[in-house]
Each structure stands twice: as C-alpha cells, then as structure tokens.
C-alpha atoms as a PDB file:
ATOM      1  CA  UNK A   1       0.290  -0.272  -0.072  1.00  0.00           C
ATOM      2  CA  UNK A   2       3.025   2.947   1.036  1.00  0.00           C
ATOM      3  CA  UNK A   3       4.358   1.506  -2.926  1.00  0.00           C
ATOM      4  CA  UNK A   4       0.763   2.711  -4.434  1.00  0.00           C
ATOM      5  CA  UNK A   5       0.226   5.499  -2.584  1.00  0.00           C
ATOM      6  CA  UNK A   6       4.385   7.193  -2.723  1.00  0.00           C
ATOM      7  CA  UNK A   7       2.873   6.432  -6.517  1.00  0.00           C
ATOM      8  CA  UNK A   8      -0.766   8.044  -7.167  1.00  0.00           C
ATOM      9  CA  UNK A   9       1.829  11.092  -5.418  1.00  0.00           C
ATOM     10  CA  UNK A  10       3.509  11.489  -7.687  1.00  0.00           C
ATOM     11  CA  UNK A  11       0.759  10.425  -9.789  1.00  0.00           C
ATOM     12  CA  UNK A  12       1.453   7.759 -11.957  1.00  0.00           C
ATOM     13  CA  UNK A  13      -1.316   5.154 -12.515  1.00  0.00           C
ATOM     14  CA  UNK A  14      -2.227   2.683 -10.523  1.00  0.00           C
ATOM     15  CA  UNK A  15      -2.892  -0.841 -11.519  1.00  0.00           C
ATOM     16  CA  UNK A  16      -3.414  -3.074  -9.142  1.00  0.00           C
ATOM     17  CA  UNK A  17      -2.942  -7.155  -9.520  1.00  0.00           C
ATOM     18  CA  UNK A  18      -4.023  -9.269  -7.490  1.00  0.00           C
ATOM     19  CA  UNK A  19      -6.875 -11.408  -6.626  1.00  0.00           C
ATOM     20  CA  UNK A  20      -9.062 -10.941  -3.844  1.00  0.00           C
ATOM     21  CA  UNK A  21     -12.239  -9.131  -4.505  1.00  0.00           C
ATOM     22  CA  UNK A  22     -12.205  -6.719  -1.348  1.00  0.00           C
ATOM     23  CA  UNK A  23      -8.545  -5.784  -0.629  1.00  0.00           C
ATOM     24  CA  UNK A  24      -6.716  -2.650   0.193  1.00  0.00           C
ATOM     25  CA  UNK A  25      -4.822  -2.036  -3.131  1.00  0.00           C
ATOM     26  CA  UNK A  26      -7.931  -2.149  -5.936  1.00  0.00           C
ATOM     27  CA  UNK A  27      -9.154   0.010  -4.012  1.00  0.00           C
ATOM     28  CA  UNK A  28      -6.770   2.478  -4.130  1.00  0.00           C
ATOM     29  CA  UNK A  29      -5.905   1.430  -7.761  1.00  0.00           C
ATOM     30  CA  UNK A  30      -7.119   2.735 -11.064  1.00  0.00           C
ATOM     31  CA  UNK A  31      -7.156  -0.069 -13.131  1.00  0.00           C
ATOM     32  CA  UNK A  32      -7.296  -4.196 -11.304  1.00  0.00           C
ATOM     33  CA  UNK A  33      -6.405  -6.708 -13.038  1.00  0.00           C
ATOM     34  CA  UNK A  34      -7.239 -10.012 -11.715  1.00  0.00           C
ATOM     35  CA  UNK A  35      -5.020 -13.414 -11.913  1.00  0.00           C
ATOM     36  CA  UNK A  36      -6.997 -16.390 -10.300  1.00  0.00           C
ATOM     37  CA  UNK A  37      -5.812 -19.581 -10.342  1.00  0.00           C
ATOM     38  CA  UNK A  38      -7.077 -22.975  -8.239  1.00  0.00           C
ATOM     39  CA  UNK A  39      -5.561 -24.846  -6.819  1.00  0.00           C
ATOM     40  CA  UNK A  40      -3.920 -28.444  -7.507  1.00  0.00           C
ATOM     41  CA  UNK A  41      -2.777 -31.264  -6.034  1.00  0.00           C
ATOM     42  CA  UNK A  42       0.879 -30.074  -7.019  1.00  0.00           C
ATOM     43  CA  UNK A  43       0.056 -26.958  -6.209  1.00  0.00           C
ATOM     44  CA  UNK A  44      -1.232 -24.930  -4.119  1.00  0.00           C
ATOM     45  CA  UNK A  45      -3.238 -21.857  -5.370  1.00  0.00           C
ATOM     46  CA  UNK A  46      -1.325 -19.160  -3.400  1.00  0.00           C
ATOM     47  CA  UNK A  47       1.703 -20.757  -5.198  1.00  0.00           C
ATOM     48  CA  UNK A  48       0.158 -20.179  -8.775  1.00  0.00           C
ATOM     49  CA  UNK A  49      -1.729 -17.117  -8.219  1.00  0.00           C
ATOM     50  CA  UNK A  50       1.834 -14.764  -7.253  1.00  0.00           C
ATOM     51  CA  UNK A  51       3.294 -16.958 -10.655  1.00  0.00           C
ATOM     52  CA  UNK A  52       0.361 -15.517 -12.870  1.00  0.00           C
ATOM     53  CA  UNK A  53       0.893 -11.789 -11.073  1.00  0.00           C
ATOM     54  CA  UNK A  54       4.762 -12.432 -11.612  1.00  0.00           C
ATOM     55  CA  UNK A  55       3.968 -13.033 -14.870  1.00  0.00           C
ATOM     56  CA  UNK A  56       1.866  -9.869 -15.706  1.00  0.00           C
ATOM     57  CA  UNK A  57       3.673  -7.915 -13.517  1.00  0.00           C
ATOM     58  CA  UNK A  58       6.624  -8.801 -15.837  1.00  0.00           C
ATOM     59  CA  UNK A  59       4.844  -8.421 -19.051  1.00  0.00           C
ATOM     60  CA  UNK A  60       3.858  -4.293 -18.223  1.00  0.00           C
ATOM     61  CA  UNK A  61       6.867  -3.614 -17.263  1.00  0.00           C
ATOM     62  CA  UNK A  62       8.828  -5.001 -20.685  1.00  0.00           C
ATOM     63  CA  UNK A  63       6.108  -3.201 -22.645  1.00  0.00           C
ATOM     64  CA  UNK A  64       6.436  -0.094 -20.822  1.00  0.00           C
ATOM     65  CA  UNK A  65      10.218   0.315 -20.939  1.00  0.00           C
ATOM     66  CA  UNK A  66       9.939  -0.630 -24.937  1.00  0.00           C
ATOM     67  CA  UNK A  67       6.715   2.365 -25.467  1.00  0.00           C
ATOM     68  CA  UNK A  68       9.589   5.645 -24.799  1.00  0.00           C
ATOM     69  CA  UNK A  69      12.893   3.535 -23.200  1.00  0.00           C
ATOM     70  CA  UNK A  70      14.977   7.665 -21.955  1.00  0.00           C
ATOM     71  CA  UNK A  71      12.068   7.662 -20.626  1.00  0.00           C
ATOM     72  CA  UNK A  72      11.836   4.373 -18.909  1.00  0.00           C
ATOM     73  CA  UNK A  73      15.616   4.563 -17.715  1.00  0.00           C
ATOM     74  CA  UNK A  74      14.635   7.886 -15.858  1.00  0.00           C
ATOM     75  CA  UNK A  75      11.343   6.045 -13.271  1.00  0.00           C
ATOM     76  CA  UNK A  76      13.424   2.826 -12.848  1.00  0.00           C
ATOM     77  CA  UNK A  77      15.180   5.315 -10.944  1.00  0.00           C
ATOM     78  CA  UNK A  78      13.215   7.411  -8.801  1.00  0.00           C
ATOM     79  CA  UNK A  79      11.818   3.715  -8.181  1.00  0.00           C
ATOM     80  CA  UNK A  80      15.640   2.801  -7.408  1.00  0.00           C
ATOM     81  CA  UNK A  81      16.345   5.683  -4.951  1.00  0.00           C
ATOM     82  CA  UNK A  82      11.985   5.409  -3.617  1.00  0.00           C
ATOM     83  CA  UNK A  83      13.116   1.780  -2.496  1.00  0.00           C
ATOM     84  CA  UNK A  84      16.495   3.445  -0.275  1.00  0.00           C
ATOM     85  CA  UNK A  85      13.863   5.127   0.992  1.00  0.00           C
ATOM     86  CA  UNK A  86      12.027   2.303   1.702  1.00  0.00           C
ATOM     87  CA  UNK A  87      14.312   0.764   3.570  1.00  0.00           C
ATOM     88  CA  UNK A  88      15.422   3.500   5.601  1.00  0.00           C
ATOM     89  CA  UNK A  89      11.993   3.616   7.193  1.00  0.00           C
END
C-alpha cells in the first residue's frame, strides 16, 4: 500500500494485480487486473497465483519500457531511489 500511495502522490497511474475481491489495493488502484488460479494436487493456489501475478507484472514492465526507453530509465532510477528511502524507514 505504501508504494501505491507514493506512486499516486507522484501522479502515477496505479494498477493493482490481485486475486482478492475486497483488497484495499483494489480500492486505491485506477485499474485492476485479476489473477485467479485453482489449486491442484501438485501446486497450491497461492503459488500459482503468485506465478501468474509475476508474469503479468513482467509483461507490463517490458511493454512500458518498450514504449519509451529513455523515460523508462529515468523512472527506474526514481523507483530505486524510493525503495532506498523505504528501506531506511
């Protein structure tokens, strides 16, 4: 939530990737992508949901970087700065 709130304050569009219908992040987000994965004998639903969410995140990231690589580099650097600030708190 802290990252989403910080992104919103910076004017970013917030996209939530969640499997929870009542997620607080869902209420904060401008857009929500739902990931749903069933449980089988060989995998738990939480593991397959996490894998699905990571795949969606990777696709969004690559797509955004391809749209504008120069601006993307600046945003990646800014994200690293914000993560450093969060680590200190």
